[in-house]
Full PDB file with SEQRES, HELIX, SHEET, SSBOND, CRYST1, ORIGX, SCALE, CONECT and MASTER records, all heavy atoms in Angstrom:
SEQRES   1 A   40  LYS ASN LEU ASN GLY CYS THR GLU PHE ILE ASP ASN PHE          
SEQRES   2 A   40  PHE TYR SER ASN ILE LYS VAL ALA VAL ASP LYS SER THR          
SEQRES   3 A   40  GLU GLY SER CYS PHE LEU PHE PRO ALA TRP VAL PRO HIS          
SEQRES   4 A   40  VAL                                                          
HELIX    1 AA1 LYS A   24  THR A   26  5                                   3    
SHEET    1 AA1 2 THR A   7  ASP A  11  0                                        
SHEET    2 AA1 2 SER A  16  VAL A  20 -1                                        
CRYST1    1.000    1.000    1.000  90.00  90.00  90.00 P 1           1          
ORIGX1      1.000000  0.000000  0.000000        0.00000                         
ORIGX2      0.000000  1.000000  0.000000        0.00000                         
ORIGX3      0.000000  0.000000  1.000000        0.00000                         
SCALE1      1.000000  0.000000  0.000000        0.00000                         
SCALE2      0.000000  1.000000  0.000000        0.00000                         
SCALE3      0.000000  0.000000  1.000000        0.00000                         
ATOM      1  N   LYS A   1     286.304 255.275 174.358  1.00  0.00           N  
ATOM      2  CA  LYS A   1     286.067 255.939 175.635  1.00  0.00           C  
ATOM      3  C   LYS A   1     285.352 257.272 175.482  1.00  0.00           C  
ATOM      4  O   LYS A   1     284.819 257.812 176.453  1.00  0.00           O  
ATOM      5  CB  LYS A   1     287.390 256.172 176.364  1.00  0.00           C  
ATOM      6  CG  LYS A   1     288.083 254.910 176.844  1.00  0.00           C  
ATOM      7  CD  LYS A   1     289.351 255.262 177.608  1.00  0.00           C  
ATOM      8  CE  LYS A   1     290.047 254.007 178.116  1.00  0.00           C  
ATOM      9  NZ  LYS A   1     291.310 254.353 178.849  1.00  0.00           N  
ATOM     10  N   ASN A   2     285.360 257.818 174.277  1.00  0.00           N  
ATOM     11  CA  ASN A   2     284.795 259.149 174.067  1.00  0.00           C  
ATOM     12  C   ASN A   2     283.267 259.112 174.064  1.00  0.00           C  
ATOM     13  O   ASN A   2     282.660 258.375 173.299  1.00  0.00           O  
ATOM     14  CB  ASN A   2     285.290 259.729 172.746  1.00  0.00           C  
ATOM     15  CG  ASN A   2     284.796 261.148 172.539  1.00  0.00           C  
ATOM     16  OD1 ASN A   2     284.840 261.966 173.460  1.00  0.00           O  
ATOM     17  ND2 ASN A   2     284.309 261.426 171.350  1.00  0.00           N  
ATOM     18  N   LEU A   3     282.665 259.918 174.919  1.00  0.00           N  
ATOM     19  CA  LEU A   3     281.203 260.020 174.970  1.00  0.00           C  
ATOM     20  C   LEU A   3     280.719 261.419 174.609  1.00  0.00           C  
ATOM     21  O   LEU A   3     279.525 261.698 174.696  1.00  0.00           O  
ATOM     22  CB  LEU A   3     280.699 259.641 176.371  1.00  0.00           C  
ATOM     23  CG  LEU A   3     280.813 258.168 176.759  1.00  0.00           C  
ATOM     24  CD1 LEU A   3     280.443 257.967 178.226  1.00  0.00           C  
ATOM     25  CD2 LEU A   3     279.931 257.298 175.877  1.00  0.00           C  
ATOM     26  N   ASN A   4     281.615 262.299 174.194  1.00  0.00           N  
ATOM     27  CA  ASN A   4     281.220 263.657 173.833  1.00  0.00           C  
ATOM     28  C   ASN A   4     280.112 263.641 172.778  1.00  0.00           C  
ATOM     29  O   ASN A   4     280.276 263.068 171.703  1.00  0.00           O  
ATOM     30  CB  ASN A   4     282.408 264.436 173.265  1.00  0.00           C  
ATOM     31  CG  ASN A   4     283.376 264.882 174.330  1.00  0.00           C  
ATOM     32  OD1 ASN A   4     283.389 264.327 175.425  1.00  0.00           O  
ATOM     33  ND2 ASN A   4     284.206 265.871 174.016  1.00  0.00           N  
ATOM     34  N   GLY A   5     278.988 264.266 173.084  1.00  0.00           N  
ATOM     35  CA  GLY A   5     277.903 264.394 172.127  1.00  0.00           C  
ATOM     36  C   GLY A   5     277.127 263.130 171.846  1.00  0.00           C  
ATOM     37  O   GLY A   5     276.191 263.138 171.041  1.00  0.00           O  
ATOM     38  N   CYS A   6     277.506 262.028 172.479  1.00  0.00           N  
ATOM     39  CA  CYS A   6     276.843 260.743 172.202  1.00  0.00           C  
ATOM     40  C   CYS A   6     275.475 260.661 172.873  1.00  0.00           C  
ATOM     41  O   CYS A   6     275.198 261.341 173.864  1.00  0.00           O  
ATOM     42  CB  CYS A   6     277.706 259.590 172.689  1.00  0.00           C  
ATOM     43  SG  CYS A   6     279.224 259.372 171.760  1.00  0.00           S  
ATOM     44  N   THR A   7     274.638 259.808 172.328  1.00  0.00           N  
ATOM     45  CA  THR A   7     273.405 259.381 172.990  1.00  0.00           C  
ATOM     46  C   THR A   7     273.627 257.941 173.425  1.00  0.00           C  
ATOM     47  O   THR A   7     274.021 257.102 172.612  1.00  0.00           O  
ATOM     48  CB  THR A   7     272.194 259.466 172.048  1.00  0.00           C  
ATOM     49  OG1 THR A   7     272.052 260.804 171.563  1.00  0.00           O  
ATOM     50  CG2 THR A   7     270.913 259.046 172.765  1.00  0.00           C  
ATOM     51  N   GLU A   8     273.396 257.659 174.689  1.00  0.00           N  
ATOM     52  CA  GLU A   8     273.628 256.311 175.218  1.00  0.00           C  
ATOM     53  C   GLU A   8     272.323 255.738 175.760  1.00  0.00           C  
ATOM     54  O   GLU A   8     271.655 256.375 176.581  1.00  0.00           O  
ATOM     55  CB  GLU A   8     274.695 256.333 176.303  1.00  0.00           C  
ATOM     56  CG  GLU A   8     275.136 254.947 176.734  1.00  0.00           C  
ATOM     57  CD  GLU A   8     276.378 254.968 177.613  1.00  0.00           C  
ATOM     58  OE1 GLU A   8     276.628 256.007 178.268  1.00  0.00           O  
ATOM     59  OE2 GLU A   8     277.084 253.954 177.659  1.00  0.00           O  
ATOM     60  N   PHE A   9     271.974 254.547 175.286  1.00  0.00           N  
ATOM     61  CA  PHE A   9     270.776 253.841 175.717  1.00  0.00           C  
ATOM     62  C   PHE A   9     271.167 252.744 176.698  1.00  0.00           C  
ATOM     63  O   PHE A   9     272.161 252.044 176.499  1.00  0.00           O  
ATOM     64  CB  PHE A   9     270.050 253.226 174.518  1.00  0.00           C  
ATOM     65  CG  PHE A   9     269.512 254.240 173.552  1.00  0.00           C  
ATOM     66  CD1 PHE A   9     270.297 254.688 172.489  1.00  0.00           C  
ATOM     67  CD2 PHE A   9     268.240 254.753 173.694  1.00  0.00           C  
ATOM     68  CE1 PHE A   9     269.815 255.624 171.592  1.00  0.00           C  
ATOM     69  CE2 PHE A   9     267.740 255.682 172.805  1.00  0.00           C  
ATOM     70  CZ  PHE A   9     268.528 256.130 171.746  1.00  0.00           C  
ATOM     71  N   ILE A  10     270.360 252.579 177.732  1.00  0.00           N  
ATOM     72  CA  ILE A  10     270.632 251.599 178.780  1.00  0.00           C  
ATOM     73  C   ILE A  10     269.620 250.467 178.639  1.00  0.00           C  
ATOM     74  O   ILE A  10     268.432 250.646 178.919  1.00  0.00           O  
ATOM     75  CB  ILE A  10     270.535 252.241 180.177  1.00  0.00           C  
ATOM     76  CG1 ILE A  10     271.495 253.439 180.266  1.00  0.00           C  
ATOM     77  CG2 ILE A  10     270.829 251.227 181.275  1.00  0.00           C  
ATOM     78  CD1 ILE A  10     271.206 254.372 181.413  1.00  0.00           C  
ATOM     79  N   ASP A  11     270.083 249.329 178.162  1.00  0.00           N  
ATOM     80  CA  ASP A  11     269.205 248.190 177.905  1.00  0.00           C  
ATOM     81  C   ASP A  11     269.106 247.341 179.172  1.00  0.00           C  
ATOM     82  O   ASP A  11     269.975 246.526 179.467  1.00  0.00           O  
ATOM     83  CB  ASP A  11     269.752 247.365 176.740  1.00  0.00           C  
ATOM     84  CG  ASP A  11     268.797 246.270 176.305  1.00  0.00           C  
ATOM     85  OD1 ASP A  11     267.830 246.006 177.049  1.00  0.00           O  
ATOM     86  OD2 ASP A  11     269.013 245.694 175.231  1.00  0.00           O  
ATOM     87  N   ASN A  12     268.030 247.537 179.924  1.00  0.00           N  
ATOM     88  CA  ASN A  12     267.871 246.840 181.202  1.00  0.00           C  
ATOM     89  C   ASN A  12     267.653 245.341 181.054  1.00  0.00           C  
ATOM     90  O   ASN A  12     267.926 244.578 181.981  1.00  0.00           O  
ATOM     91  CB  ASN A  12     266.709 247.441 181.982  1.00  0.00           C  
ATOM     92  CG  ASN A  12     267.028 248.828 182.497  1.00  0.00           C  
ATOM     93  OD1 ASN A  12     268.157 249.120 182.856  1.00  0.00           O  
ATOM     94  ND2 ASN A  12     266.038 249.708 182.512  1.00  0.00           N  
ATOM     95  N   PHE A  13     267.141 244.906 179.892  1.00  0.00           N  
ATOM     96  CA  PHE A  13     266.871 243.481 179.713  1.00  0.00           C  
ATOM     97  C   PHE A  13     268.143 242.688 179.475  1.00  0.00           C  
ATOM     98  O   PHE A  13     268.267 241.549 179.905  1.00  0.00           O  
ATOM     99  CB  PHE A  13     265.901 243.270 178.555  1.00  0.00           C  
ATOM    100  CG  PHE A  13     264.513 243.748 178.846  1.00  0.00           C  
ATOM    101  CD1 PHE A  13     263.969 244.833 178.170  1.00  0.00           C  
ATOM    102  CD2 PHE A  13     263.744 243.132 179.819  1.00  0.00           C  
ATOM    103  CE1 PHE A  13     262.692 245.284 178.455  1.00  0.00           C  
ATOM    104  CE2 PHE A  13     262.458 243.574 180.103  1.00  0.00           C  
ATOM    105  CZ  PHE A  13     261.934 244.653 179.409  1.00  0.00           C  
ATOM    106  N   PHE A  14     269.087 243.301 178.765  1.00  0.00           N  
ATOM    107  CA  PHE A  14     270.311 242.580 178.430  1.00  0.00           C  
ATOM    108  C   PHE A  14     271.524 243.124 179.187  1.00  0.00           C  
ATOM    109  O   PHE A  14     272.651 242.731 178.927  1.00  0.00           O  
ATOM    110  CB  PHE A  14     270.565 242.652 176.916  1.00  0.00           C  
ATOM    111  CG  PHE A  14     269.508 241.946 176.120  1.00  0.00           C  
ATOM    112  CD1 PHE A  14     268.490 242.660 175.497  1.00  0.00           C  
ATOM    113  CD2 PHE A  14     269.493 240.563 176.014  1.00  0.00           C  
ATOM    114  CE1 PHE A  14     267.503 242.013 174.771  1.00  0.00           C  
ATOM    115  CE2 PHE A  14     268.511 239.916 175.284  1.00  0.00           C  
ATOM    116  CZ  PHE A  14     267.517 240.637 174.668  1.00  0.00           C  
ATOM    117  N   TYR A  15     271.269 244.036 180.116  1.00  0.00           N  
ATOM    118  CA  TYR A  15     272.321 244.572 180.979  1.00  0.00           C  
ATOM    119  C   TYR A  15     273.507 245.095 180.172  1.00  0.00           C  
ATOM    120  O   TYR A  15     274.665 244.793 180.465  1.00  0.00           O  
ATOM    121  CB  TYR A  15     272.785 243.510 181.982  1.00  0.00           C  
ATOM    122  CG  TYR A  15     271.649 242.958 182.800  1.00  0.00           C  
ATOM    123  CD1 TYR A  15     271.117 241.703 182.518  1.00  0.00           C  
ATOM    124  CD2 TYR A  15     271.086 243.692 183.842  1.00  0.00           C  
ATOM    125  CE1 TYR A  15     270.046 241.199 183.251  1.00  0.00           C  
ATOM    126  CE2 TYR A  15     270.020 243.199 184.579  1.00  0.00           C  
ATOM    127  CZ  TYR A  15     269.509 241.953 184.281  1.00  0.00           C  
ATOM    128  OH  TYR A  15     268.453 241.461 184.993  1.00  0.00           O  
ATOM    129  N   SER A  16     273.209 245.867 179.161  1.00  0.00           N  
ATOM    130  CA  SER A  16     274.263 246.450 178.341  1.00  0.00           C  
ATOM    131  C   SER A  16     273.846 247.842 177.893  1.00  0.00           C  
ATOM    132  O   SER A  16     272.655 248.162 177.851  1.00  0.00           O  
ATOM    133  CB  SER A  16     274.550 245.580 177.117  1.00  0.00           C  
ATOM    134  OG  SER A  16     273.410 245.520 176.283  1.00  0.00           O  
ATOM    135  N   ASN A  17     274.829 248.666 177.573  1.00  0.00           N  
ATOM    136  CA  ASN A  17     274.569 250.005 177.074  1.00  0.00           C  
ATOM    137  C   ASN A  17     274.862 250.064 175.580  1.00  0.00           C  
ATOM    138  O   ASN A  17     275.788 249.414 175.090  1.00  0.00           O  
ATOM    139  CB  ASN A  17     275.424 251.030 177.815  1.00  0.00           C  
ATOM    140  CG  ASN A  17     274.990 251.201 179.256  1.00  0.00           C  
ATOM    141  OD1 ASN A  17     274.082 250.526 179.728  1.00  0.00           O  
ATOM    142  ND2 ASN A  17     275.637 252.112 179.955  1.00  0.00           N  
ATOM    143  N   ILE A  18     274.081 250.854 174.865  1.00  0.00           N  
ATOM    144  CA  ILE A  18     274.257 251.014 173.428  1.00  0.00           C  
ATOM    145  C   ILE A  18     274.597 252.477 173.170  1.00  0.00           C  
ATOM    146  O   ILE A  18     273.780 253.366 173.415  1.00  0.00           O  
ATOM    147  CB  ILE A  18     272.978 250.611 172.669  1.00  0.00           C  
ATOM    148  CG1 ILE A  18     272.666 249.138 172.933  1.00  0.00           C  
ATOM    149  CG2 ILE A  18     273.134 250.872 171.174  1.00  0.00           C  
ATOM    150  CD1 ILE A  18     271.269 248.730 172.548  1.00  0.00           C  
ATOM    151  N   LYS A  19     275.816 252.718 172.699  1.00  0.00           N  
ATOM    152  CA  LYS A  19     276.279 254.081 172.456  1.00  0.00           C  
ATOM    153  C   LYS A  19     276.072 254.446 170.998  1.00  0.00           C  
ATOM    154  O   LYS A  19     276.527 253.745 170.104  1.00  0.00           O  
ATOM    155  CB  LYS A  19     277.764 254.211 172.817  1.00  0.00           C  
ATOM    156  CG  LYS A  19     278.313 255.616 172.634  1.00  0.00           C  
ATOM    157  CD  LYS A  19     279.788 255.696 172.990  1.00  0.00           C  
ATOM    158  CE  LYS A  19     280.654 255.108 171.912  1.00  0.00           C  
ATOM    159  NZ  LYS A  19     282.094 255.342 172.143  1.00  0.00           N  
ATOM    160  N   VAL A  20     275.370 255.556 170.761  1.00  0.00           N  
ATOM    161  CA  VAL A  20     275.220 256.091 169.417  1.00  0.00           C  
ATOM    162  C   VAL A  20     276.189 257.262 169.291  1.00  0.00           C  
ATOM    163  O   VAL A  20     276.048 258.282 169.974  1.00  0.00           O  
ATOM    164  CB  VAL A  20     273.778 256.560 169.149  1.00  0.00           C  
ATOM    165  CG1 VAL A  20     273.669 257.194 167.765  1.00  0.00           C  
ATOM    166  CG2 VAL A  20     272.798 255.400 169.281  1.00  0.00           C  
ATOM    167  N   ALA A  21     277.204 257.108 168.448  1.00  0.00           N  
ATOM    168  CA  ALA A  21     278.203 258.154 168.252  1.00  0.00           C  
ATOM    169  C   ALA A  21     277.629 259.219 167.319  1.00  0.00           C  
ATOM    170  O   ALA A  21     277.692 259.107 166.098  1.00  0.00           O  
ATOM    171  CB  ALA A  21     279.483 257.561 167.677  1.00  0.00           C  
ATOM    172  N   VAL A  22     277.042 260.224 167.908  1.00  0.00           N  
ATOM    173  CA  VAL A  22     276.343 261.267 167.147  1.00  0.00           C  
ATOM    174  C   VAL A  22     277.355 262.288 166.621  1.00  0.00           C  
ATOM    175  O   VAL A  22     278.116 262.877 167.386  1.00  0.00           O  
ATOM    176  CB  VAL A  22     275.298 261.969 168.035  1.00  0.00           C  
ATOM    177  CG1 VAL A  22     274.642 263.120 167.283  1.00  0.00           C  
ATOM    178  CG2 VAL A  22     274.255 260.965 168.518  1.00  0.00           C  
ATOM    179  N   ASP A  23     277.361 262.496 165.294  1.00  0.00           N  
ATOM    180  CA  ASP A  23     278.155 263.565 164.704  1.00  0.00           C  
ATOM    181  C   ASP A  23     277.516 263.960 163.376  1.00  0.00           C  
ATOM    182  O   ASP A  23     276.364 263.598 163.112  1.00  0.00           O  
ATOM    183  CB  ASP A  23     279.620 263.171 164.572  1.00  0.00           C  
ATOM    184  CG  ASP A  23     279.884 262.104 163.509  1.00  0.00           C  
ATOM    185  OD1 ASP A  23     278.911 261.578 162.919  1.00  0.00           O  
ATOM    186  OD2 ASP A  23     281.068 261.804 163.271  1.00  0.00           O  
ATOM    187  N   LYS A  24     278.253 264.709 162.544  1.00  0.00           N  
ATOM    188  CA  LYS A  24     277.678 265.199 161.289  1.00  0.00           C  
ATOM    189  C   LYS A  24     277.109 264.076 160.422  1.00  0.00           C  
ATOM    190  O   LYS A  24     276.112 264.261 159.721  1.00  0.00           O  
ATOM    191  CB  LYS A  24     278.734 265.973 160.496  1.00  0.00           C  
ATOM    192  CG  LYS A  24     279.096 267.331 161.073  1.00  0.00           C  
ATOM    193  CD  LYS A  24     280.099 268.049 160.183  1.00  0.00           C  
ATOM    194  CE  LYS A  24     280.523 269.391 160.773  1.00  0.00           C  
ATOM    195  NZ  LYS A  24     279.409 270.344 160.841  1.00  0.00           N  
ATOM    196  N   SER A  25     277.737 262.908 160.479  1.00  0.00           N  
ATOM    197  CA  SER A  25     277.280 261.785 159.646  1.00  0.00           C  
ATOM    198  C   SER A  25     275.923 261.242 160.094  1.00  0.00           C  
ATOM    199  O   SER A  25     275.293 260.478 159.364  1.00  0.00           O  
ATOM    200  CB  SER A  25     278.316 260.656 159.666  1.00  0.00           C  
ATOM    201  OG  SER A  25     278.414 260.072 160.960  1.00  0.00           O  
ATOM    202  N   THR A  26     275.471 261.644 161.288  1.00  0.00           N  
ATOM    203  CA  THR A  26     274.190 261.165 161.823  1.00  0.00           C  
ATOM    204  C   THR A  26     273.020 262.021 161.337  1.00  0.00           C  
ATOM    205  O   THR A  26     271.864 261.629 161.502  1.00  0.00           O  
ATOM    206  CB  THR A  26     274.231 261.170 163.365  1.00  0.00           C  
ATOM    207  OG1 THR A  26     275.501 260.741 163.814  1.00  0.00           O  
ATOM    208  CG2 THR A  26     273.183 260.228 163.951  1.00  0.00           C  
ATOM    209  N   GLU A  27     273.309 263.185 160.764  1.00  0.00           N  
ATOM    210  CA  GLU A  27     272.244 264.065 160.296  1.00  0.00           C  
ATOM    211  C   GLU A  27     271.339 263.349 159.296  1.00  0.00           C  
ATOM    212  O   GLU A  27     271.815 262.642 158.409  1.00  0.00           O  
ATOM    213  CB  GLU A  27     272.836 265.316 159.647  1.00  0.00           C  
ATOM    214  CG  GLU A  27     273.543 266.233 160.618  1.00  0.00           C  
ATOM    215  CD  GLU A  27     274.147 267.452 159.962  1.00  0.00           C  
ATOM    216  OE1 GLU A  27     274.091 267.554 158.709  1.00  0.00           O  
ATOM    217  OE2 GLU A  27     274.687 268.310 160.685  1.00  0.00           O  
ATOM    218  N   GLY A  28     270.041 263.511 159.463  1.00  0.00           N  
ATOM    219  CA  GLY A  28     269.081 262.862 158.577  1.00  0.00           C  
ATOM    220  C   GLY A  28     268.712 261.457 158.987  1.00  0.00           C  
ATOM    221  O   GLY A  28     267.967 260.779 158.273  1.00  0.00           O  
ATOM    222  N   SER A  29     269.223 261.015 160.143  1.00  0.00           N  
ATOM    223  CA  SER A  29     268.876 259.684 160.658  1.00  0.00           C  
ATOM    224  C   SER A  29     267.858 259.806 161.786  1.00  0.00           C  
ATOM    225  O   SER A  29     267.840 260.791 162.520  1.00  0.00           O  
ATOM    226  CB  SER A  29     270.122 258.961 161.180  1.00  0.00           C  
ATOM    227  OG  SER A  29     271.015 258.668 160.132  1.00  0.00           O  
ATOM    228  N   CYS A  30     267.045 258.782 161.902  1.00  0.00           N  
ATOM    229  CA  CYS A  30     266.044 258.705 162.970  1.00  0.00           C  
ATOM    230  C   CYS A  30     266.302 257.436 163.765  1.00  0.00           C  
ATOM    231  O   CYS A  30     266.506 256.362 163.185  1.00  0.00           O  
ATOM    232  CB  CYS A  30     264.642 258.681 162.368  1.00  0.00           C  
ATOM    233  SG  CYS A  30     263.308 258.432 163.565  1.00  0.00           S  
ATOM    234  N   PHE A  31     266.308 257.560 165.082  1.00  0.00           N  
ATOM    235  CA  PHE A  31     266.455 256.396 165.951  1.00  0.00           C  
ATOM    236  C   PHE A  31     265.129 256.165 166.671  1.00  0.00           C  
ATOM    237  O   PHE A  31     264.598 257.062 167.326  1.00  0.00           O  
ATOM    238  CB  PHE A  31     267.598 256.606 166.945  1.00  0.00           C  
ATOM    239  CG  PHE A  31     268.946 256.463 166.315  1.00  0.00           C  
ATOM    240  CD1 PHE A  31     269.499 257.508 165.581  1.00  0.00           C  
ATOM    241  CD2 PHE A  31     269.651 255.271 166.403  1.00  0.00           C  
ATOM    242  CE1 PHE A  31     270.736 257.373 164.974  1.00  0.00           C  
ATOM    243  CE2 PHE A  31     270.888 255.128 165.798  1.00  0.00           C  
ATOM    244  CZ  PHE A  31     271.434 256.179 165.080  1.00  0.00           C  
ATOM    245  N   LEU A  32     264.605 254.964 166.502  1.00  0.00           N  
ATOM    246  CA  LEU A  32     263.325 254.552 167.076  1.00  0.00           C  
ATOM    247  C   LEU A  32     263.595 253.540 168.178  1.00  0.00           C  
ATOM    248  O   LEU A  32     264.387 252.615 167.992  1.00  0.00           O  
ATOM    249  CB  LEU A  32     262.455 253.931 165.985  1.00  0.00           C  
ATOM    250  CG  LEU A  32     261.080 253.396 166.374  1.00  0.00           C  
ATOM    251  CD1 LEU A  32     260.126 254.535 166.729  1.00  0.00           C  
ATOM    252  CD2 LEU A  32     260.500 252.565 165.218  1.00  0.00           C  
ATOM    253  N   PHE A  33     262.917 253.698 169.325  1.00  0.00           N  
ATOM    254  CA  PHE A  33     263.202 252.807 170.453  1.00  0.00           C  
ATOM    255  C   PHE A  33     261.987 252.710 171.365  1.00  0.00           C  
ATOM    256  O   PHE A  33     261.131 253.611 171.384  1.00  0.00           O  
ATOM    257  CB  PHE A  33     264.421 253.318 171.240  1.00  0.00           C  
ATOM    258  CG  PHE A  33     264.310 254.749 171.698  1.00  0.00           C  
ATOM    259  CD1 PHE A  33     263.860 255.069 172.958  1.00  0.00           C  
ATOM    260  CD2 PHE A  33     264.688 255.780 170.847  1.00  0.00           C  
ATOM    261  CE1 PHE A  33     263.760 256.386 173.382  1.00  0.00           C  
ATOM    262  CE2 PHE A  33     264.601 257.109 171.252  1.00  0.00           C  
ATOM    263  CZ  PHE A  33     264.137 257.407 172.524  1.00  0.00           C  
ATOM    264  N   PRO A  34     261.891 251.610 172.141  1.00  0.00           N  
ATOM    265  CA  PRO A  34     260.807 251.509 173.121  1.00  0.00           C  
ATOM    266  C   PRO A  34     260.900 252.660 174.124  1.00  0.00           C  
ATOM    267  O   PRO A  34     261.999 252.988 174.604  1.00  0.00           O  
ATOM    268  CB  PRO A  34     261.068 250.157 173.794  1.00  0.00           C  
ATOM    269  CG  PRO A  34     261.857 249.374 172.790  1.00  0.00           C  
ATOM    270  CD  PRO A  34     262.720 250.379 172.104  1.00  0.00           C  
ATOM    271  N   ALA A  35     259.775 253.261 174.424  1.00  0.00           N  
ATOM    272  CA  ALA A  35     259.772 254.490 175.223  1.00  0.00           C  
ATOM    273  C   ALA A  35     260.309 254.286 176.636  1.00  0.00           C  
ATOM    274  O   ALA A  35     260.735 255.249 177.281  1.00  0.00           O  
ATOM    275  CB  ALA A  35     258.351 255.053 175.278  1.00  0.00           C  
ATOM    276  N   TRP A  36     260.293 253.042 177.112  1.00  0.00           N  
ATOM    277  CA  TRP A  36     260.727 252.787 178.484  1.00  0.00           C  
ATOM    278  C   TRP A  36     262.244 252.574 178.600  1.00  0.00           C  
ATOM    279  O   TRP A  36     262.752 252.370 179.700  1.00  0.00           O  
ATOM    280  CB  TRP A  36     260.013 251.560 179.045  1.00  0.00           C  
ATOM    281  CG  TRP A  36     260.205 250.323 178.220  1.00  0.00           C  
ATOM    282  CD1 TRP A  36     261.268 249.466 178.222  1.00  0.00           C  
ATOM    283  CD2 TRP A  36     259.299 249.815 177.231  1.00  0.00           C  
ATOM    284  NE1 TRP A  36     261.088 248.461 177.319  1.00  0.00           N  
ATOM    285  CE2 TRP A  36     259.890 248.640 176.692  1.00  0.00           C  
ATOM    286  CE3 TRP A  36     258.049 250.225 176.762  1.00  0.00           C  
ATOM    287  CZ2 TRP A  36     259.270 247.893 175.706  1.00  0.00           C  
ATOM    288  CZ3 TRP A  36     257.437 249.485 175.772  1.00  0.00           C  
ATOM    289  CH2 TRP A  36     258.038 248.325 175.257  1.00  0.00           C  
ATOM    290  N   VAL A  37     262.973 252.616 177.485  1.00  0.00           N  
ATOM    291  CA  VAL A  37     264.419 252.415 177.538  1.00  0.00           C  
ATOM    292  C   VAL A  37     265.095 253.695 178.044  1.00  0.00           C  
ATOM    293  O   VAL A  37     265.006 254.746 177.401  1.00  0.00           O  
ATOM    294  CB  VAL A  37     264.982 252.043 176.154  1.00  0.00           C  
ATOM    295  CG1 VAL A  37     266.504 251.957 176.202  1.00  0.00           C  
ATOM    296  CG2 VAL A  37     264.394 250.719 175.676  1.00  0.00           C  
ATOM    297  N   PRO A  38     265.785 253.642 179.185  1.00  0.00           N  
ATOM    298  CA  PRO A  38     266.465 254.840 179.692  1.00  0.00           C  
ATOM    299  C   PRO A  38     267.594 255.259 178.742  1.00  0.00           C  
ATOM    300  O   PRO A  38     268.264 254.415 178.145  1.00  0.00           O  
ATOM    301  CB  PRO A  38     267.032 254.393 181.050  1.00  0.00           C  
ATOM    302  CG  PRO A  38     266.276 253.138 181.402  1.00  0.00           C  
ATOM    303  CD  PRO A  38     265.937 252.491 180.098  1.00  0.00           C  
ATOM    304  N   HIS A  39     267.789 256.551 178.617  1.00  0.00           N  
ATOM    305  CA  HIS A  39     268.871 257.051 177.770  1.00  0.00           C  
ATOM    306  C   HIS A  39     269.349 258.400 178.273  1.00  0.00           C  
ATOM    307  O   HIS A  39     268.657 259.089 179.020  1.00  0.00           O  
ATOM    308  CB  HIS A  39     268.437 257.127 176.302  1.00  0.00           C  
ATOM    309  CG  HIS A  39     267.171 257.891 176.068  1.00  0.00           C  
ATOM    310  ND1 HIS A  39     265.930 257.390 176.414  1.00  0.00           N  
ATOM    311  CD2 HIS A  39     266.944 259.121 175.536  1.00  0.00           C  
ATOM    312  CE1 HIS A  39     264.993 258.277 176.100  1.00  0.00           C  
ATOM    313  NE2 HIS A  39     265.583 259.342 175.575  1.00  0.00           N  
ATOM    314  N   VAL A  40     270.557 258.748 177.855  1.00  0.00           N  
ATOM    315  CA  VAL A  40     271.200 259.988 178.281  1.00  0.00           C  
ATOM    316  C   VAL A  40     271.860 260.616 177.058  1.00  0.00           C  
ATOM    317  O   VAL A  40     272.349 259.910 176.175  1.00  0.00           O  
ATOM    318  CB  VAL A  40     272.227 259.712 179.404  1.00  0.00           C  
ATOM    319  CG1 VAL A  40     273.266 258.703 178.964  1.00  0.00           C  
ATOM    320  CG2 VAL A  40     272.916 260.993 179.855  1.00  0.00           C  
TER     321      VAL A  40                                                      
MASTER        0    0    0    1    2    0    0    6  320    1    0    4          
END                                                                             
């Protein structure tokens, strides 16, 4: 349920959300995505 600090992508094609749990372990990672994918 925790969304603190997360990046959430909204996949309109598959009607699902993809939550990236961003924290210290994410440092040095790159997330690549289609530019039209809504995210927060």
